[in-house]
Amino acid sequence: MKILKKLPFLIFFSSLILLLAACGDDDGEGAGSTAKETNADSGEKEVLVVGSSGIYPPFISVDEDGKAQGYDVEVLEKVGEALGYEIKWEFAEFSGIFGMLDAGKIDTVSNLIAMTEERRTKYDFSTPYAYSGATLVVHEDNNSINSIEDLKGKKVGVLLGNNLHQFLEKWNEENGGEIIITPYQDVSGTYNEVALGRLDAFIDVKITAASRIRDEGLPLKIYGEEYLVNFDYGFPFVRSEENKEFLEAFSAEIQKLQDNGTLKELSDKWSAIDVTIPHK
């Protein structure tokens, strides 16, 4: 059973113990406690199950020992520590991640998830922990792609099923359908595909693109300064009354990390671009 579904029971059980200790009367009605108070103060940690592809550096990747690392990972670890939760990772292909969330197999998703209008109609999101937008990765010698219009007749890679795939598909449908869109199940080899000329471009989040170009040492560049589209990023949760109280506490901890500069420190550690600056 996922921890978010157990919150009402945990709150009731904690309150009952306090009543018994105070007066020995199990018929009384004690004050409830939040998930943060229940778990952090007891010293006993519950588990927050997080789904991810595990392949989206610098936000999340898996090292040679199988340990998750990256900006998202450290943000979640700090929030979990404050609330009294241990983070457990479940890795799968990105195209199936939201199905796992809907089925209750995971509690949230960590893959730099954009808070799109479509997703907001179905899920509740945490306070944003990152801000960026879409860009195009091209070969460093390619000066022919300076706008999305220049992609017509070109072969462009996308991560299958993510919001950028949906954005590019929609734009393509509305503008003649001339872009050759090539989906990939994961992004691990996509930048090399551009470097080798097998793709003319790859659409990605700018902060991811800048970090990968820097870290992988490939002959690539970002096509320009302007975003194709802006996004705020948060952690999605299934919309329910059972999750509401936990999500409020979860979001409050992210806001604390923003206010005290911790998010900026983590961004400087992992990203080539500051991800903590809200859009104007």
Protein backbone atom coordinates (compact mmCIF):
# COMPACT_ATOMS: atom_id res chain seq x y z
CA MET A 1 0.00 0.00 0.00
CA LYS A 2 1.39 3.41 -0.92
CA ILE A 3 2.15 5.73 1.97
CA LEU A 4 -0.08 8.51 0.73
CA LYS A 5 -3.09 6.23 1.00
CA LYS A 6 -2.20 5.38 4.63
CA LEU A 7 -2.10 8.95 5.92
CA PRO A 8 -5.62 8.98 7.45
CA PHE A 9 -4.87 5.75 9.33
CA LEU A 10 -1.48 7.01 10.53
CA ILE A 11 -3.00 10.25 11.76
CA PHE A 12 -5.77 8.41 13.63
CA PHE A 13 -3.38 5.87 15.13
CA SER A 14 -0.94 8.56 16.29
CA SER A 15 -3.76 10.54 17.90
CA LEU A 16 -5.09 7.41 19.65
CA ILE A 17 -1.70 6.65 21.21
CA LEU A 18 -1.44 10.20 22.55
CA LEU A 19 -4.88 9.89 24.14
CA LEU A 20 -4.10 6.57 25.79
CA ALA A 21 -0.86 7.92 27.19
CA ALA A 22 -2.55 11.04 28.55
CA CYS A 23 -5.70 9.64 30.18
CA GLY A 24 -6.10 5.95 29.38
CA ASP A 25 -9.42 6.69 27.64
CA ASP A 26 -9.67 5.26 24.10
CA ASP A 27 -13.08 6.84 23.55
CA GLY A 28 -11.79 10.42 23.50
CA GLU A 29 -11.03 12.50 20.42
CA GLY A 30 -7.47 13.82 20.16
CA ALA A 31 -5.88 16.42 17.91
CA GLY A 32 -4.70 15.15 14.52
CA SER A 33 -1.16 15.57 13.16
CA THR A 34 0.25 16.20 9.72
CA ALA A 35 2.27 13.62 7.79
CA LYS A 36 5.39 15.67 8.53
CA GLU A 37 4.73 15.68 12.28
CA THR A 38 3.71 12.02 12.42
CA ASN A 39 6.78 10.66 10.63
CA ALA A 40 9.55 13.16 11.32
CA ASP A 41 8.83 13.42 15.05
CA SER A 42 8.45 9.69 15.62
CA GLY A 43 11.87 8.87 14.21
CA GLU A 44 10.29 6.17 12.06
CA LYS A 45 10.40 6.79 8.33
CA GLU A 46 7.72 5.84 5.84
CA VAL A 47 8.48 5.35 2.15
CA LEU A 48 7.73 7.73 -0.71
CA VAL A 49 7.83 5.70 -3.94
CA VAL A 50 9.11 7.77 -6.87
CA GLY A 51 8.97 6.69 -10.51
CA SER A 52 11.57 7.76 -13.06
CA SER A 53 13.28 6.71 -16.27
CA GLY A 54 16.57 7.15 -14.40
CA ILE A 55 18.03 8.61 -17.61
CA TYR A 56 17.64 12.38 -17.62
CA PRO A 57 20.85 14.05 -16.45
CA PRO A 58 21.54 16.38 -14.73
CA PHE A 59 18.18 15.90 -13.00
CA ILE A 60 18.38 12.16 -12.53
CA SER A 61 20.72 9.40 -13.59
CA VAL A 62 22.01 6.18 -12.06
CA ASP A 63 25.68 5.76 -11.18
CA GLU A 64 27.76 2.58 -11.64
CA ASP A 65 26.61 1.34 -8.24
CA GLY A 66 22.96 1.68 -9.19
CA LYS A 67 22.38 4.73 -6.99
CA ALA A 68 20.18 7.58 -8.21
CA GLN A 69 21.87 10.97 -8.44
CA GLY A 70 21.09 14.46 -9.75
CA TYR A 71 19.23 17.67 -8.98
CA ASP A 72 15.80 16.03 -8.65
CA VAL A 73 17.24 13.33 -6.44
CA GLU A 74 18.78 15.72 -3.94
CA VAL A 75 15.68 17.91 -3.84
CA LEU A 76 13.53 14.87 -3.03
CA GLU A 77 16.00 13.60 -0.43
CA LYS A 78 15.92 16.92 1.41
CA VAL A 79 12.13 17.15 1.30
CA GLY A 80 11.84 13.52 2.39
CA GLU A 81 14.23 14.06 5.29
CA ALA A 82 12.22 17.05 6.51
CA LEU A 83 8.92 15.15 6.30
CA GLY A 84 10.23 11.86 7.69
CA TYR A 85 10.10 9.84 4.47
CA GLU A 86 12.64 7.61 2.79
CA ILE A 87 12.78 7.87 -1.01
CA LYS A 88 12.39 4.59 -2.90
CA TRP A 89 13.03 4.60 -6.66
CA GLU A 90 11.14 2.65 -9.30
CA PHE A 91 12.74 2.86 -12.76
CA ALA A 92 10.87 2.24 -16.00
CA GLU A 93 10.64 3.56 -19.55
CA PHE A 94 9.29 7.10 -19.48
CA SER A 95 6.33 6.24 -21.71
CA GLY A 96 4.92 4.03 -18.93
CA ILE A 97 5.64 6.23 -15.91
CA PHE A 98 2.29 8.04 -15.70
CA GLY A 99 0.47 4.73 -16.09
CA MET A 100 2.30 3.55 -12.97
CA LEU A 101 1.21 6.72 -11.17
CA ASP A 102 -2.42 6.23 -12.21
CA ALA A 103 -2.31 2.59 -11.07
CA GLY A 104 -0.98 3.51 -7.62
CA LYS A 105 2.35 1.72 -8.13
CA ILE A 106 4.25 4.94 -7.40
CA ASP A 107 3.44 8.09 -5.43
CA THR A 108 4.98 10.70 -7.74
CA VAL A 109 7.27 11.12 -10.74
CA SER A 110 10.79 12.57 -10.90
CA ASN A 111 11.86 13.22 -14.49
CA LEU A 112 11.75 17.03 -14.71
CA ILE A 113 8.00 16.93 -15.27
CA ALA A 114 6.56 20.04 -16.91
CA MET A 115 3.37 21.37 -15.36
CA THR A 116 1.47 21.55 -18.63
CA GLU A 117 -2.16 22.61 -18.86
CA GLU A 118 -3.16 19.10 -19.90
CA ARG A 119 -1.41 17.49 -16.93
CA ARG A 120 -2.86 20.04 -14.49
CA THR A 121 -6.37 18.94 -15.45
CA LYS A 122 -5.60 15.45 -14.12
CA TYR A 123 -2.88 15.75 -11.45
CA ASP A 124 -2.05 18.00 -8.52
CA PHE A 125 1.49 19.39 -8.65
CA SER A 126 3.87 20.48 -5.98
CA THR A 127 5.27 24.00 -5.84
CA PRO A 128 7.69 24.39 -8.80
CA TYR A 129 11.28 23.44 -8.06
CA ALA A 130 12.71 24.30 -11.51
CA TYR A 131 12.02 26.64 -14.42
CA SER A 132 13.19 26.40 -18.02
CA GLY A 133 11.92 25.82 -21.55
CA ALA A 134 12.36 23.88 -24.76
CA THR A 135 15.31 24.34 -27.10
CA LEU A 136 16.97 22.57 -30.02
CA VAL A 137 20.32 20.78 -29.90
CA VAL A 138 22.16 20.89 -33.25
CA HIS A 139 25.66 20.16 -34.53
CA GLU A 140 28.09 22.98 -33.79
CA ASP A 141 28.65 23.46 -37.55
CA ASN A 142 24.93 23.67 -38.31
CA ASN A 143 23.90 27.28 -38.97
CA SER A 144 20.75 26.44 -40.94
CA ILE A 145 18.44 25.93 -37.94
CA ASN A 146 17.58 29.22 -36.27
CA SER A 147 13.86 28.75 -35.60
CA ILE A 148 11.26 26.01 -35.39
CA GLU A 149 10.27 26.84 -38.98
CA ASP A 150 13.73 25.71 -40.08
CA LEU A 151 12.93 22.16 -38.92
CA LYS A 152 10.67 21.55 -41.91
CA GLY A 153 12.13 18.68 -43.91
CA LYS A 154 14.56 17.89 -41.09
CA LYS A 155 14.81 14.81 -38.88
CA VAL A 156 14.23 15.75 -35.24
CA GLY A 157 14.59 13.45 -32.23
CA VAL A 158 12.22 13.51 -29.25
CA LEU A 159 11.74 11.52 -26.05
CA LEU A 160 8.72 9.31 -26.66
CA GLY A 161 5.61 10.56 -24.88
CA ASN A 162 7.06 13.54 -23.04
CA ASN A 163 5.62 17.06 -23.20
CA LEU A 164 8.16 18.19 -25.82
CA HIS A 165 7.14 15.30 -28.07
CA GLN A 166 3.52 16.42 -27.71
CA PHE A 167 4.45 20.06 -28.33
CA LEU A 168 6.38 19.25 -31.52
CA GLU A 169 3.67 16.89 -32.82
CA LYS A 170 1.01 19.56 -32.33
CA TRP A 171 3.11 22.28 -33.98
CA ASN A 172 3.88 19.96 -36.88
CA GLU A 173 0.20 19.13 -37.42
CA GLU A 174 -0.71 22.81 -37.44
CA ASN A 175 2.10 23.79 -39.82
CA GLY A 176 2.07 21.35 -42.68
CA GLY A 177 3.49 18.20 -41.06
CA GLU A 178 6.88 18.52 -42.75
CA ILE A 179 9.08 17.78 -39.71
CA ILE A 180 10.32 14.18 -39.57
CA ILE A 181 9.77 13.42 -35.88
CA THR A 182 11.78 10.48 -34.54
CA PRO A 183 10.82 9.24 -31.03
CA TYR A 184 13.27 7.51 -28.67
CA GLN A 185 12.47 5.43 -25.58
CA ASP A 186 15.33 7.08 -23.66
CA VAL A 187 17.69 9.99 -24.25
CA SER A 188 21.01 8.32 -23.46
CA GLY A 189 22.24 8.14 -27.06
CA THR A 190 20.25 10.92 -28.70
CA TYR A 191 22.88 13.66 -28.49
CA ASN A 192 25.42 11.39 -30.14
CA GLU A 193 22.86 10.82 -32.93
CA VAL A 194 22.97 14.57 -33.61
CA ALA A 195 26.76 14.62 -33.45
CA LEU A 196 26.94 11.79 -36.01
CA GLY A 197 24.46 13.49 -38.34
CA ARG A 198 21.73 10.86 -37.95
CA LEU A 199 19.49 13.55 -36.51
CA ASP A 200 19.39 17.18 -37.63
CA ALA A 201 18.28 18.25 -34.17
CA PHE A 202 17.00 17.00 -30.84
CA ILE A 203 14.36 18.90 -28.88
CA ASP A 204 15.11 19.10 -25.16
CA VAL A 205 14.89 21.29 -22.09
CA LYS A 206 17.53 24.02 -22.27
CA ILE A 207 19.00 23.33 -18.85
CA THR A 208 19.41 19.66 -19.75
CA ALA A 209 20.88 20.51 -23.14
CA ALA A 210 23.45 22.95 -21.75
CA SER A 211 24.57 20.49 -19.07
CA ARG A 212 24.84 17.51 -21.43
CA ILE A 213 26.76 19.47 -24.07
CA ARG A 214 29.19 20.59 -21.37
CA ASP A 215 29.55 17.20 -19.70
CA GLU A 216 29.62 14.90 -22.73
CA GLY A 217 32.08 16.95 -24.78
CA LEU A 218 30.20 16.43 -28.06
CA PRO A 219 30.44 18.88 -31.02
CA LEU A 220 26.98 20.31 -30.37
CA LYS A 221 25.36 23.63 -29.55
CA ILE A 222 22.01 25.13 -28.58
CA TYR A 223 20.30 26.65 -31.61
CA GLY A 224 19.64 30.08 -30.05
CA GLU A 225 18.77 32.02 -26.94
CA GLU A 226 14.98 31.97 -27.16
CA TYR A 227 12.87 29.17 -25.69
CA LEU A 228 10.47 27.43 -28.04
CA VAL A 229 8.07 27.28 -25.08
CA ASN A 230 8.41 27.99 -21.33
CA PHE A 231 7.73 25.47 -18.57
CA ASP A 232 7.53 25.31 -14.77
CA TYR A 233 8.45 21.92 -13.29
CA GLY A 234 6.96 20.16 -10.29
CA PHE A 235 6.25 16.72 -8.82
CA PRO A 236 2.83 15.32 -9.85
CA PHE A 237 0.49 13.45 -7.49
CA VAL A 238 -2.81 11.72 -8.13
CA ARG A 239 -5.60 14.15 -7.29
CA SER A 240 -7.41 12.99 -4.15
CA GLU A 241 -8.40 14.16 -0.70
CA GLU A 242 -6.06 11.53 0.75
CA ASN A 243 -3.06 13.19 -0.92
CA LYS A 244 -4.05 16.81 -0.28
CA GLU A 245 -2.59 17.23 3.20
CA PHE A 246 0.67 15.50 2.31
CA LEU A 247 1.09 17.59 -0.84
CA GLU A 248 0.65 20.80 1.13
CA ALA A 249 3.46 19.78 3.50
CA PHE A 250 5.59 18.58 0.56
CA SER A 251 5.19 21.90 -1.27
CA ALA A 252 5.95 23.89 1.86
CA GLU A 253 9.32 22.14 2.15
CA ILE A 254 10.19 22.91 -1.48
CA GLN A 255 9.35 26.56 -0.85
CA LYS A 256 11.68 26.56 2.17
CA LEU A 257 14.49 25.20 -0.03
CA GLN A 258 13.83 28.00 -2.51
CA ASP A 259 13.70 30.69 0.17
CA ASN A 260 16.87 29.63 2.00
CA GLY A 261 18.95 29.26 -1.17
CA THR A 262 19.29 25.48 -1.07
CA LEU A 263 17.70 25.00 -4.51
CA LYS A 264 20.18 27.51 -5.95
CA GLU A 265 23.08 25.58 -4.37
CA LEU A 266 21.82 22.31 -5.84
CA SER A 267 21.31 23.95 -9.24
CA ASP A 268 24.89 25.28 -9.20
CA LYS A 269 26.11 21.79 -8.34
CA TRP A 270 24.25 19.91 -11.07
CA SER A 271 23.25 22.29 -13.86
CA ALA A 272 25.08 24.51 -16.33
CA ILE A 273 22.16 26.98 -16.07
CA ASP A 274 20.39 28.28 -12.94
CA VAL A 275 17.09 26.37 -12.88
CA THR A 276 15.63 28.23 -9.90
CA ILE A 277 14.75 31.56 -11.57
CA PRO A 278 10.99 31.88 -12.21
CA HIS A 279 9.84 33.05 -15.65
CA LYS A 280 9.00 36.74 -15.94
